[in-house]
Amino acid sequence: MKQITRWMALMLMLVMALLPALAQGEDTADPQEEMTVQEETAPEPAGEAEDPGAAGPAPAGGPEQTAPEEDAALLFVPLPITDKKDMPKPGTDIKPEAIVIAPEGIAMFELPTHESSILMNLDAGAILTLRVLGQTWSILSLGEEAGYVPTRALSFAYGSVQPNIAIVTAPGGKLTLRAEMTTKSKALATIPSGRAVLLLAKGETFSLVRHEDREGYVLSEHLKEVPVNTRLGTLTRVVSIVPGREANVRLRAQPNRNAAEYTKVKSGNYVVVLEIQDGWALIEFDGYHGYMMKDYLKQGFD
């Protein structure tokens, strides 16, 4: 009996000695193994191209799966809420101008990438015409020449050093710009969902925005205030998965195939990829901002 008691005591001491090592092994488990499984079981891209034949394996040479980078946006200070009685009036005779504020000046590029051809060099203080506003790249023109300039190098309304930008998120596909803060007032224009606007004043119900050469009020609930990006993304070509066949690939509001469609992008066009995660790419395309399945993207340009 005494021998059995000694044996049980020895076993208990051995188990107590092993417990710290077992606990340490649980703390150092690698979560990357679970991520690998998720990546291999990502949904097929069928249905994201308008062409029903554009379904199949992803093309070789597509962008690698990348995790979101750390927030590299400019110092982002959201606009405070303005009381309805203090909301400013829309400006009249608006000129869609952009001013270069980079002290060293900036180049205008043929495509939205620094690797593209330089169309012209712009001095600090240069005033250009804003054609398309983007969170990352904007399309500007000077005379007959038009090209891409990083939005971070520009100033717009009311002489602000950096613009406050908002993305239109109306579920119906467009948002009405109105003359007064009521849905019964005169419609000045319609703004497609996914497009960027200058946010001039933010209210609980209505906000004052500038779109192209007009200012007016829109419903605040259909705006998403965003910072200007400092990282300029990667220029990436949209491709058809079926060789020799053109595809129109959907750009969506959210990274899933049931989300609202903002626009379609034809294969052969270039988009700016800001990040890729779980099979979806966050992109900017001619002022639209949304998500596209990464299987339809191929890095680099010709």
C-alpha atoms as a PDB file:
ATOM      1  CA  MET A   1       0.000   0.000   0.000  1.00  0.00           C
ATOM      2  CA  LYS A   2       2.813   2.383   0.853  1.00  0.00           C
ATOM      3  CA  GLN A   3       4.454   1.648  -2.537  1.00  0.00           C
ATOM      4  CA  ILE A   4       1.215   2.533  -4.398  1.00  0.00           C
ATOM      5  CA  THR A   5       0.900   5.778  -2.444  1.00  0.00           C
ATOM      6  CA  ARG A   6       4.524   6.735  -3.288  1.00  0.00           C
ATOM      7  CA  TRP A   7       3.873   5.904  -6.990  1.00  0.00           C
ATOM      8  CA  MET A   8       0.757   8.132  -7.080  1.00  0.00           C
ATOM      9  CA  ALA A   9       2.656  10.984  -5.448  1.00  0.00           C
ATOM     10  CA  LEU A  10       5.439  10.717  -8.037  1.00  0.00           C
ATOM     11  CA  MET A  11       2.884  10.795 -10.905  1.00  0.00           C
ATOM     12  CA  LEU A  12       1.211  13.867  -9.423  1.00  0.00           C
ATOM     13  CA  MET A  13       4.553  15.697  -9.189  1.00  0.00           C
ATOM     14  CA  LEU A  14       5.337  14.820 -12.825  1.00  0.00           C
ATOM     15  CA  VAL A  15       1.991  16.186 -14.069  1.00  0.00           C
ATOM     16  CA  MET A  16       2.473  19.417 -12.086  1.00  0.00           C
ATOM     17  CA  ALA A  17       5.902  19.879 -13.656  1.00  0.00           C
ATOM     18  CA  LEU A  18       4.527  19.457 -17.199  1.00  0.00           C
ATOM     19  CA  LEU A  19       1.624  21.894 -16.864  1.00  0.00           C
ATOM     20  CA  PRO A  20       3.650  25.121 -17.565  1.00  0.00           C
ATOM     21  CA  ALA A  21       5.127  23.612 -20.739  1.00  0.00           C
ATOM     22  CA  LEU A  22       1.687  22.550 -21.979  1.00  0.00           C
ATOM     23  CA  ALA A  23       0.274  26.023 -21.349  1.00  0.00           C
ATOM     24  CA  GLN A  24       3.200  27.647 -23.186  1.00  0.00           C
ATOM     25  CA  GLY A  25       2.530  25.466 -26.224  1.00  0.00           C
ATOM     26  CA  GLU A  26      -1.084  26.753 -26.450  1.00  0.00           C
ATOM     27  CA  ASP A  27       0.013  30.406 -26.276  1.00  0.00           C
ATOM     28  CA  THR A  28       2.440  30.045 -29.179  1.00  0.00           C
ATOM     29  CA  ALA A  29       0.056  28.303 -31.616  1.00  0.00           C
ATOM     30  CA  ASP A  30       0.361  29.817 -35.121  1.00  0.00           C
ATOM     31  CA  PRO A  31      -2.999  31.307 -36.312  1.00  0.00           C
ATOM     32  CA  GLN A  32      -1.619  31.481 -39.863  1.00  0.00           C
ATOM     33  CA  GLU A  33      -2.622  27.846 -40.394  1.00  0.00           C
ATOM     34  CA  GLU A  34      -6.307  28.810 -40.176  1.00  0.00           C
ATOM     35  CA  MET A  35      -5.812  31.700 -42.627  1.00  0.00           C
ATOM     36  CA  THR A  36      -4.265  29.335 -45.175  1.00  0.00           C
ATOM     37  CA  VAL A  37      -7.354  27.132 -45.098  1.00  0.00           C
ATOM     38  CA  GLN A  38      -9.639  30.133 -45.608  1.00  0.00           C
ATOM     39  CA  GLU A  39      -7.608  31.331 -48.566  1.00  0.00           C
ATOM     40  CA  GLU A  40      -7.815  27.934 -50.274  1.00  0.00           C
ATOM     41  CA  THR A  41     -11.595  27.815 -49.883  1.00  0.00           C
ATOM     42  CA  ALA A  42     -12.309  31.335 -51.207  1.00  0.00           C
ATOM     43  CA  PRO A  43     -15.497  31.509 -53.361  1.00  0.00           C
ATOM     44  CA  GLU A  44     -15.223  31.143 -57.106  1.00  0.00           C
ATOM     45  CA  PRO A  45     -15.655  34.380 -59.090  1.00  0.00           C
ATOM     46  CA  ALA A  46     -18.623  33.112 -61.135  1.00  0.00           C
ATOM     47  CA  GLY A  47     -21.264  35.810 -61.571  1.00  0.00           C
ATOM     48  CA  GLU A  48     -18.994  38.828 -61.070  1.00  0.00           C
ATOM     49  CA  ALA A  49     -18.489  39.267 -64.809  1.00  0.00           C
ATOM     50  CA  GLU A  50     -21.487  40.233 -66.920  1.00  0.00           C
ATOM     51  CA  ASP A  51     -20.345  37.706 -69.534  1.00  0.00           C
ATOM     52  CA  PRO A  52     -21.722  34.340 -68.286  1.00  0.00           C
ATOM     53  CA  GLY A  53     -18.836  32.539 -69.957  1.00  0.00           C
ATOM     54  CA  ALA A  54     -16.249  34.345 -67.849  1.00  0.00           C
ATOM     55  CA  ALA A  55     -16.065  31.682 -65.152  1.00  0.00           C
ATOM     56  CA  GLY A  56     -13.123  29.404 -64.496  1.00  0.00           C
ATOM     57  CA  PRO A  57      -9.698  29.342 -62.852  1.00  0.00           C
ATOM     58  CA  ALA A  58      -7.982  32.572 -61.947  1.00  0.00           C
ATOM     59  CA  PRO A  59      -5.424  33.915 -64.451  1.00  0.00           C
ATOM     60  CA  ALA A  60      -1.726  33.461 -63.744  1.00  0.00           C
ATOM     61  CA  GLY A  61       0.142  36.491 -62.510  1.00  0.00           C
ATOM     62  CA  GLY A  62      -2.738  38.020 -60.534  1.00  0.00           C
ATOM     63  CA  PRO A  63      -2.122  40.192 -57.471  1.00  0.00           C
ATOM     64  CA  GLU A  64      -0.940  38.390 -54.363  1.00  0.00           C
ATOM     65  CA  GLN A  65      -3.170  38.132 -51.294  1.00  0.00           C
ATOM     66  CA  THR A  66      -2.210  41.050 -49.076  1.00  0.00           C
ATOM     67  CA  ALA A  67      -3.357  42.123 -45.648  1.00  0.00           C
ATOM     68  CA  PRO A  68      -4.506  45.738 -45.206  1.00  0.00           C
ATOM     69  CA  GLU A  69      -1.630  48.086 -44.538  1.00  0.00           C
ATOM     70  CA  GLU A  70      -1.566  50.248 -41.457  1.00  0.00           C
ATOM     71  CA  ASP A  71      -3.673  53.359 -41.892  1.00  0.00           C
ATOM     72  CA  ALA A  72      -1.483  55.632 -43.975  1.00  0.00           C
ATOM     73  CA  ALA A  73      -4.091  58.362 -44.464  1.00  0.00           C
ATOM     74  CA  LEU A  74      -3.354  61.989 -43.833  1.00  0.00           C
ATOM     75  CA  LEU A  75      -4.264  63.288 -40.399  1.00  0.00           C
ATOM     76  CA  PHE A  76      -7.992  62.642 -40.508  1.00  0.00           C
ATOM     77  CA  VAL A  77     -10.242  64.982 -38.558  1.00  0.00           C
ATOM     78  CA  PRO A  78     -13.922  64.299 -39.319  1.00  0.00           C
ATOM     79  CA  LEU A  79     -16.090  67.376 -39.684  1.00  0.00           C
ATOM     80  CA  PRO A  80     -18.132  68.270 -36.608  1.00  0.00           C
ATOM     81  CA  ILE A  81     -21.910  68.214 -36.831  1.00  0.00           C
ATOM     82  CA  THR A  82     -23.346  71.602 -37.846  1.00  0.00           C
ATOM     83  CA  ASP A  83     -26.731  72.662 -36.480  1.00  0.00           C
ATOM     84  CA  LYS A  84     -29.402  73.077 -39.126  1.00  0.00           C
ATOM     85  CA  LYS A  85     -29.741  76.792 -38.344  1.00  0.00           C
ATOM     86  CA  ASP A  86     -25.982  77.271 -38.861  1.00  0.00           C
ATOM     87  CA  MET A  87     -25.695  75.250 -42.085  1.00  0.00           C
ATOM     88  CA  PRO A  88     -24.069  77.401 -44.802  1.00  0.00           C
ATOM     89  CA  LYS A  89     -25.811  78.106 -48.080  1.00  0.00           C
ATOM     90  CA  PRO A  90     -24.618  76.466 -51.311  1.00  0.00           C
ATOM     91  CA  GLY A  91     -22.205  78.568 -53.311  1.00  0.00           C
ATOM     92  CA  THR A  92     -23.143  79.905 -56.725  1.00  0.00           C
ATOM     93  CA  ASP A  93     -21.038  80.159 -59.871  1.00  0.00           C
ATOM     94  CA  ILE A  94     -18.828  77.305 -58.658  1.00  0.00           C
ATOM     95  CA  LYS A  95     -15.675  76.534 -60.578  1.00  0.00           C
ATOM     96  CA  PRO A  96     -14.384  72.964 -60.326  1.00  0.00           C
ATOM     97  CA  GLU A  97     -10.850  73.996 -59.438  1.00  0.00           C
ATOM     98  CA  ALA A  98      -7.988  72.217 -57.729  1.00  0.00           C
ATOM     99  CA  ILE A  99      -4.884  73.931 -56.378  1.00  0.00           C
ATOM    100  CA  VAL A 100      -1.494  72.240 -56.037  1.00  0.00           C
ATOM    101  CA  ILE A 101      -0.383  72.579 -52.408  1.00  0.00           C
ATOM    102  CA  ALA A 102       2.693  70.321 -52.476  1.00  0.00           C
ATOM    103  CA  PRO A 103       5.565  72.768 -51.718  1.00  0.00           C
ATOM    104  CA  GLU A 104       7.857  71.066 -54.232  1.00  0.00           C
ATOM    105  CA  GLY A 105       5.132  70.840 -56.882  1.00  0.00           C
ATOM    106  CA  ILE A 106       3.775  67.619 -58.365  1.00  0.00           C
ATOM    107  CA  ALA A 107       3.691  65.776 -61.682  1.00  0.00           C
ATOM    108  CA  MET A 108       0.602  65.009 -63.736  1.00  0.00           C
ATOM    109  CA  PHE A 109       0.683  61.372 -64.883  1.00  0.00           C
ATOM    110  CA  GLU A 110      -0.883  59.644 -67.862  1.00  0.00           C
ATOM    111  CA  LEU A 111      -2.098  56.808 -65.604  1.00  0.00           C
ATOM    112  CA  PRO A 112      -2.678  56.700 -61.825  1.00  0.00           C
ATOM    113  CA  THR A 113       0.809  55.496 -60.910  1.00  0.00           C
ATOM    114  CA  HIS A 114       4.231  57.110 -60.505  1.00  0.00           C
ATOM    115  CA  GLU A 115       5.553  54.557 -62.996  1.00  0.00           C
ATOM    116  CA  SER A 116       3.429  56.076 -65.752  1.00  0.00           C
ATOM    117  CA  SER A 117       4.539  58.722 -68.254  1.00  0.00           C
ATOM    118  CA  ILE A 118       4.679  62.288 -66.910  1.00  0.00           C
ATOM    119  CA  LEU A 119       2.469  64.616 -68.928  1.00  0.00           C
ATOM    120  CA  MET A 120       3.665  67.799 -67.227  1.00  0.00           C
ATOM    121  CA  ASN A 121       5.197  69.112 -64.026  1.00  0.00           C
ATOM    122  CA  LEU A 122       3.016  71.407 -61.916  1.00  0.00           C
ATOM    123  CA  ASP A 123       4.352  74.125 -59.628  1.00  0.00           C
ATOM    124  CA  ALA A 124       3.003  74.766 -56.141  1.00  0.00           C
ATOM    125  CA  GLY A 125       0.015  77.078 -56.429  1.00  0.00           C
ATOM    126  CA  ALA A 126      -0.923  75.926 -59.923  1.00  0.00           C
ATOM    127  CA  ILE A 127      -4.699  76.028 -60.511  1.00  0.00           C
ATOM    128  CA  LEU A 128      -6.238  73.256 -62.594  1.00  0.00           C
ATOM    129  CA  THR A 129      -9.713  72.066 -63.540  1.00  0.00           C
ATOM    130  CA  LEU A 130     -11.014  69.143 -61.500  1.00  0.00           C
ATOM    131  CA  ARG A 131     -12.576  66.515 -63.774  1.00  0.00           C
ATOM    132  CA  VAL A 132     -12.985  63.573 -61.379  1.00  0.00           C
ATOM    133  CA  LEU A 133     -12.444  63.583 -57.616  1.00  0.00           C
ATOM    134  CA  GLY A 134     -10.884  60.487 -56.067  1.00  0.00           C
ATOM    135  CA  GLN A 135      -9.910  59.528 -52.543  1.00  0.00           C
ATOM    136  CA  THR A 136      -6.464  58.548 -53.860  1.00  0.00           C
ATOM    137  CA  TRP A 137      -6.050  59.916 -57.400  1.00  0.00           C
ATOM    138  CA  SER A 138      -7.968  62.766 -59.050  1.00  0.00           C
ATOM    139  CA  ILE A 139      -8.264  63.525 -62.757  1.00  0.00           C
ATOM    140  CA  LEU A 140      -7.301  67.117 -63.593  1.00  0.00           C
ATOM    141  CA  SER A 141      -6.870  69.115 -66.763  1.00  0.00           C
ATOM    142  CA  LEU A 142      -4.833  72.125 -67.765  1.00  0.00           C
ATOM    143  CA  GLY A 143      -5.691  73.423 -71.192  1.00  0.00           C
ATOM    144  CA  GLU A 144      -6.158  70.424 -73.484  1.00  0.00           C
ATOM    145  CA  GLU A 145      -4.061  68.084 -71.326  1.00  0.00           C
ATOM    146  CA  ALA A 146      -5.709  65.824 -68.761  1.00  0.00           C
ATOM    147  CA  GLY A 147      -4.136  63.340 -66.395  1.00  0.00           C
ATOM    148  CA  TYR A 148      -3.873  61.954 -62.871  1.00  0.00           C
ATOM    149  CA  VAL A 149      -2.575  63.754 -59.770  1.00  0.00           C
ATOM    150  CA  PRO A 150      -2.460  62.373 -56.194  1.00  0.00           C
ATOM    151  CA  THR A 151      -5.360  63.912 -54.262  1.00  0.00           C
ATOM    152  CA  ARG A 152      -3.073  64.397 -51.240  1.00  0.00           C
ATOM    153  CA  ALA A 153      -1.209  67.123 -53.204  1.00  0.00           C
ATOM    154  CA  LEU A 154      -4.366  69.173 -53.845  1.00  0.00           C
ATOM    155  CA  SER A 155      -6.660  71.649 -52.120  1.00  0.00           C
ATOM    156  CA  PHE A 156     -10.237  72.406 -53.105  1.00  0.00           C
ATOM    157  CA  ALA A 157     -13.120  74.186 -51.401  1.00  0.00           C
ATOM    158  CA  TYR A 158     -12.913  77.134 -49.004  1.00  0.00           C
ATOM    159  CA  GLY A 159      -9.119  77.251 -49.107  1.00  0.00           C
ATOM    160  CA  SER A 160      -8.738  74.237 -46.819  1.00  0.00           C
ATOM    161  CA  VAL A 161      -5.275  72.675 -46.729  1.00  0.00           C
ATOM    162  CA  GLN A 162      -6.781  69.236 -47.338  1.00  0.00           C
ATOM    163  CA  PRO A 163     -10.289  68.402 -48.490  1.00  0.00           C
ATOM    164  CA  ASN A 164     -12.907  66.539 -46.528  1.00  0.00           C
ATOM    165  CA  ILE A 165     -14.129  63.773 -48.794  1.00  0.00           C
ATOM    166  CA  ALA A 166     -17.181  61.539 -48.597  1.00  0.00           C
ATOM    167  CA  ILE A 167     -18.220  58.525 -50.676  1.00  0.00           C
ATOM    168  CA  VAL A 168     -21.853  58.322 -51.795  1.00  0.00           C
ATOM    169  CA  THR A 169     -23.419  55.074 -50.539  1.00  0.00           C
ATOM    170  CA  ALA A 170     -27.084  55.436 -51.554  1.00  0.00           C
ATOM    171  CA  PRO A 171     -28.610  51.946 -51.934  1.00  0.00           C
ATOM    172  CA  GLY A 172     -30.688  53.010 -54.939  1.00  0.00           C
ATOM    173  CA  GLY A 173     -27.579  53.672 -57.031  1.00  0.00           C
ATOM    174  CA  LYS A 174     -27.682  57.472 -56.944  1.00  0.00           C
ATOM    175  CA  LEU A 175     -28.109  60.371 -54.533  1.00  0.00           C
ATOM    176  CA  THR A 176     -30.018  63.577 -55.317  1.00  0.00           C
ATOM    177  CA  LEU A 177     -28.274  66.914 -54.844  1.00  0.00           C
ATOM    178  CA  ARG A 178     -30.890  69.458 -53.749  1.00  0.00           C
ATOM    179  CA  ALA A 179     -31.158  73.228 -53.459  1.00  0.00           C
ATOM    180  CA  GLU A 180     -32.699  73.151 -49.972  1.00  0.00           C
ATOM    181  CA  MET A 181     -32.594  70.851 -46.935  1.00  0.00           C
ATOM    182  CA  THR A 182     -35.768  68.974 -47.831  1.00  0.00           C
ATOM    183  CA  THR A 183     -36.480  66.056 -50.135  1.00  0.00           C
ATOM    184  CA  LYS A 184     -39.175  68.153 -51.832  1.00  0.00           C
ATOM    185  CA  SER A 185     -36.811  70.916 -52.939  1.00  0.00           C
ATOM    186  CA  LYS A 186     -35.397  71.387 -56.433  1.00  0.00           C
ATOM    187  CA  ALA A 187     -33.077  68.630 -57.652  1.00  0.00           C
ATOM    188  CA  LEU A 188     -29.809  70.109 -58.909  1.00  0.00           C
ATOM    189  CA  ALA A 189     -28.085  66.874 -59.979  1.00  0.00           C
ATOM    190  CA  THR A 190     -27.788  63.187 -59.226  1.00  0.00           C
ATOM    191  CA  ILE A 191     -24.559  61.664 -57.903  1.00  0.00           C
ATOM    192  CA  PRO A 192     -23.843  57.984 -58.653  1.00  0.00           C
ATOM    193  CA  SER A 193     -23.207  55.750 -55.650  1.00  0.00           C
ATOM    194  CA  GLY A 194     -19.533  54.981 -55.206  1.00  0.00           C
ATOM    195  CA  ARG A 195     -18.411  58.433 -56.334  1.00  0.00           C
ATOM    196  CA  ALA A 196     -16.514  60.880 -54.131  1.00  0.00           C
ATOM    197  CA  VAL A 197     -17.742  64.370 -53.261  1.00  0.00           C
ATOM    198  CA  LEU A 198     -16.282  67.263 -51.324  1.00  0.00           C
ATOM    199  CA  LEU A 199     -17.912  67.434 -47.899  1.00  0.00           C
ATOM    200  CA  LEU A 200     -18.289  71.112 -46.964  1.00  0.00           C
ATOM    201  CA  ALA A 201     -20.555  70.907 -43.896  1.00  0.00           C
ATOM    202  CA  LYS A 202     -22.001  67.874 -42.114  1.00  0.00           C
ATOM    203  CA  GLY A 203     -25.464  67.909 -40.578  1.00  0.00           C
ATOM    204  CA  GLU A 204     -27.577  65.342 -38.759  1.00  0.00           C
ATOM    205  CA  THR A 205     -30.042  65.000 -41.647  1.00  0.00           C
ATOM    206  CA  PHE A 206     -28.598  66.959 -44.571  1.00  0.00           C
ATOM    207  CA  SER A 207     -24.999  67.780 -45.485  1.00  0.00           C
ATOM    208  CA  LEU A 208     -23.621  70.382 -47.852  1.00  0.00           C
ATOM    209  CA  VAL A 209     -21.422  68.916 -50.605  1.00  0.00           C
ATOM    210  CA  ARG A 210     -19.767  69.950 -53.839  1.00  0.00           C
ATOM    211  CA  HIS A 211     -20.049  67.704 -56.883  1.00  0.00           C
ATOM    212  CA  GLU A 212     -18.292  68.874 -60.043  1.00  0.00           C
ATOM    213  CA  ASP A 213     -19.461  72.496 -60.541  1.00  0.00           C
ATOM    214  CA  ARG A 214     -22.458  72.436 -58.191  1.00  0.00           C
ATOM    215  CA  GLU A 215     -23.047  72.705 -54.467  1.00  0.00           C
ATOM    216  CA  GLY A 216     -26.159  71.496 -52.688  1.00  0.00           C
ATOM    217  CA  TYR A 217     -27.589  69.332 -49.937  1.00  0.00           C
ATOM    218  CA  VAL A 218     -27.749  65.535 -49.741  1.00  0.00           C
ATOM    219  CA  LEU A 219     -28.994  63.125 -47.094  1.00  0.00           C
ATOM    220  CA  SER A 220     -26.198  62.565 -44.561  1.00  0.00           C
ATOM    221  CA  GLU A 221     -27.088  58.905 -43.998  1.00  0.00           C
ATOM    222  CA  HIS A 222     -25.953  58.101 -47.549  1.00  0.00           C
ATOM    223  CA  LEU A 223     -22.455  59.558 -47.118  1.00  0.00           C
ATOM    224  CA  LYS A 224     -19.327  57.873 -45.769  1.00  0.00           C
ATOM    225  CA  GLU A 225     -16.685  60.402 -44.704  1.00  0.00           C
ATOM    226  CA  VAL A 226     -13.188  59.170 -45.582  1.00  0.00           C
ATOM    227  CA  PRO A 227      -9.621  60.506 -45.337  1.00  0.00           C
ATOM    228  CA  VAL A 228      -7.394  61.316 -48.283  1.00  0.00           C
ATOM    229  CA  ASN A 229      -5.049  58.383 -48.925  1.00  0.00           C
ATOM    230  CA  THR A 230      -1.305  58.831 -48.746  1.00  0.00           C
ATOM    231  CA  ARG A 231      -0.527  55.360 -50.092  1.00  0.00           C
ATOM    232  CA  LEU A 232      -1.301  55.449 -53.779  1.00  0.00           C
ATOM    233  CA  GLY A 233      -2.122  51.804 -54.395  1.00  0.00           C
ATOM    234  CA  THR A 234      -1.038  49.528 -57.233  1.00  0.00           C
ATOM    235  CA  LEU A 235      -2.076  49.986 -60.846  1.00  0.00           C
ATOM    236  CA  THR A 236      -3.733  46.737 -61.894  1.00  0.00           C
ATOM    237  CA  ARG A 237      -5.374  45.566 -65.131  1.00  0.00           C
ATOM    238  CA  VAL A 238      -8.845  44.032 -65.230  1.00  0.00           C
ATOM    239  CA  VAL A 239      -8.796  40.768 -67.169  1.00  0.00           C
ATOM    240  CA  SER A 240     -11.288  38.263 -68.520  1.00  0.00           C
ATOM    241  CA  ILE A 241     -10.860  34.760 -67.178  1.00  0.00           C
ATOM    242  CA  VAL A 242     -11.699  33.316 -70.603  1.00  0.00           C
ATOM    243  CA  PRO A 243      -8.895  34.116 -73.113  1.00  0.00           C
ATOM    244  CA  GLY A 244     -10.030  36.150 -76.086  1.00  0.00           C
ATOM    245  CA  ARG A 245     -13.361  37.103 -74.525  1.00  0.00           C
ATOM    246  CA  GLU A 246     -14.210  40.535 -73.121  1.00  0.00           C
ATOM    247  CA  ALA A 247     -15.792  40.750 -69.678  1.00  0.00           C
ATOM    248  CA  ASN A 248     -17.575  43.482 -67.741  1.00  0.00           C
ATOM    249  CA  VAL A 249     -16.617  43.006 -64.115  1.00  0.00           C
ATOM    250  CA  ARG A 250     -18.853  44.356 -61.363  1.00  0.00           C
ATOM    251  CA  LEU A 251     -17.622  46.880 -58.813  1.00  0.00           C
ATOM    252  CA  ARG A 252     -19.603  46.446 -55.600  1.00  0.00           C
ATOM    253  CA  ALA A 253     -20.360  48.419 -52.462  1.00  0.00           C
ATOM    254  CA  GLN A 254     -19.122  45.660 -50.125  1.00  0.00           C
ATOM    255  CA  PRO A 255     -16.816  42.626 -50.511  1.00  0.00           C
ATOM    256  CA  ASN A 256     -19.544  40.093 -51.275  1.00  0.00           C
ATOM    257  CA  ARG A 257     -21.515  39.027 -54.328  1.00  0.00           C
ATOM    258  CA  ASN A 258     -24.846  40.116 -52.855  1.00  0.00           C
ATOM    259  CA  ALA A 259     -23.757  43.736 -52.331  1.00  0.00           C
ATOM    260  CA  ALA A 260     -25.068  46.616 -54.440  1.00  0.00           C
ATOM    261  CA  GLU A 261     -23.361  47.145 -57.795  1.00  0.00           C
ATOM    262  CA  TYR A 262     -21.788  50.560 -58.357  1.00  0.00           C
ATOM    263  CA  THR A 263     -20.577  50.136 -61.919  1.00  0.00           C
ATOM    264  CA  LYS A 264     -18.966  47.648 -64.324  1.00  0.00           C
ATOM    265  CA  VAL A 265     -15.368  47.776 -65.515  1.00  0.00           C
ATOM    266  CA  LYS A 266     -14.483  46.305 -68.908  1.00  0.00           C
ATOM    267  CA  SER A 267     -11.536  43.960 -69.117  1.00  0.00           C
ATOM    268  CA  GLY A 268      -8.471  45.775 -70.399  1.00  0.00           C
ATOM    269  CA  ASN A 269      -9.069  48.831 -68.209  1.00  0.00           C
ATOM    270  CA  TYR A 270      -6.792  49.725 -65.306  1.00  0.00           C
ATOM    271  CA  VAL A 271      -7.854  50.199 -61.684  1.00  0.00           C
ATOM    272  CA  VAL A 272      -5.966  51.235 -58.556  1.00  0.00           C
ATOM    273  CA  VAL A 273      -5.858  48.434 -55.978  1.00  0.00           C
ATOM    274  CA  LEU A 274      -5.554  49.715 -52.408  1.00  0.00           C
ATOM    275  CA  GLU A 275      -5.684  46.378 -50.585  1.00  0.00           C
ATOM    276  CA  ILE A 276      -6.660  42.735 -51.120  1.00  0.00           C
ATOM    277  CA  GLN A 277      -8.207  40.554 -48.469  1.00  0.00           C
ATOM    278  CA  ASP A 278     -10.264  37.354 -48.473  1.00  0.00           C
ATOM    279  CA  GLY A 279     -10.454  37.242 -52.247  1.00  0.00           C
ATOM    280  CA  TRP A 280     -11.678  40.822 -52.715  1.00  0.00           C
ATOM    281  CA  ALA A 281      -9.807  43.954 -53.774  1.00  0.00           C
ATOM    282  CA  LEU A 282     -10.625  47.467 -52.581  1.00  0.00           C
ATOM    283  CA  ILE A 283     -10.186  49.620 -55.667  1.00  0.00           C
ATOM    284  CA  GLU A 284     -10.581  53.088 -57.133  1.00  0.00           C
ATOM    285  CA  PHE A 285     -11.641  53.520 -60.751  1.00  0.00           C
ATOM    286  CA  ASP A 286     -12.330  56.904 -62.377  1.00  0.00           C
ATOM    287  CA  GLY A 287     -13.834  58.326 -59.195  1.00  0.00           C
ATOM    288  CA  TYR A 288     -15.682  55.148 -58.171  1.00  0.00           C
ATOM    289  CA  HIS A 289     -14.695  53.386 -54.944  1.00  0.00           C
ATOM    290  CA  GLY A 290     -15.684  49.805 -54.204  1.00  0.00           C
ATOM    291  CA  TYR A 291     -14.789  46.115 -54.248  1.00  0.00           C
ATOM    292  CA  MET A 292     -13.937  43.672 -57.044  1.00  0.00           C
ATOM    293  CA  MET A 293     -12.988  39.997 -56.873  1.00  0.00           C
ATOM    294  CA  LYS A 294      -9.210  39.676 -57.154  1.00  0.00           C
ATOM    295  CA  ASP A 295      -9.471  36.834 -59.675  1.00  0.00           C
ATOM    296  CA  TYR A 296     -10.242  39.417 -62.363  1.00  0.00           C
ATOM    297  CA  LEU A 297      -7.103  41.463 -61.696  1.00  0.00           C
ATOM    298  CA  LYS A 298      -3.571  41.213 -63.056  1.00  0.00           C
ATOM    299  CA  GLN A 299      -0.835  43.424 -61.653  1.00  0.00           C
ATOM    300  CA  GLY A 300       1.249  45.649 -63.897  1.00  0.00           C
ATOM    301  CA  PHE A 301       0.554  47.666 -67.022  1.00  0.00           C
ATOM    302  CA  ASP A 302       1.579  47.462 -70.683  1.00  0.00           C
END
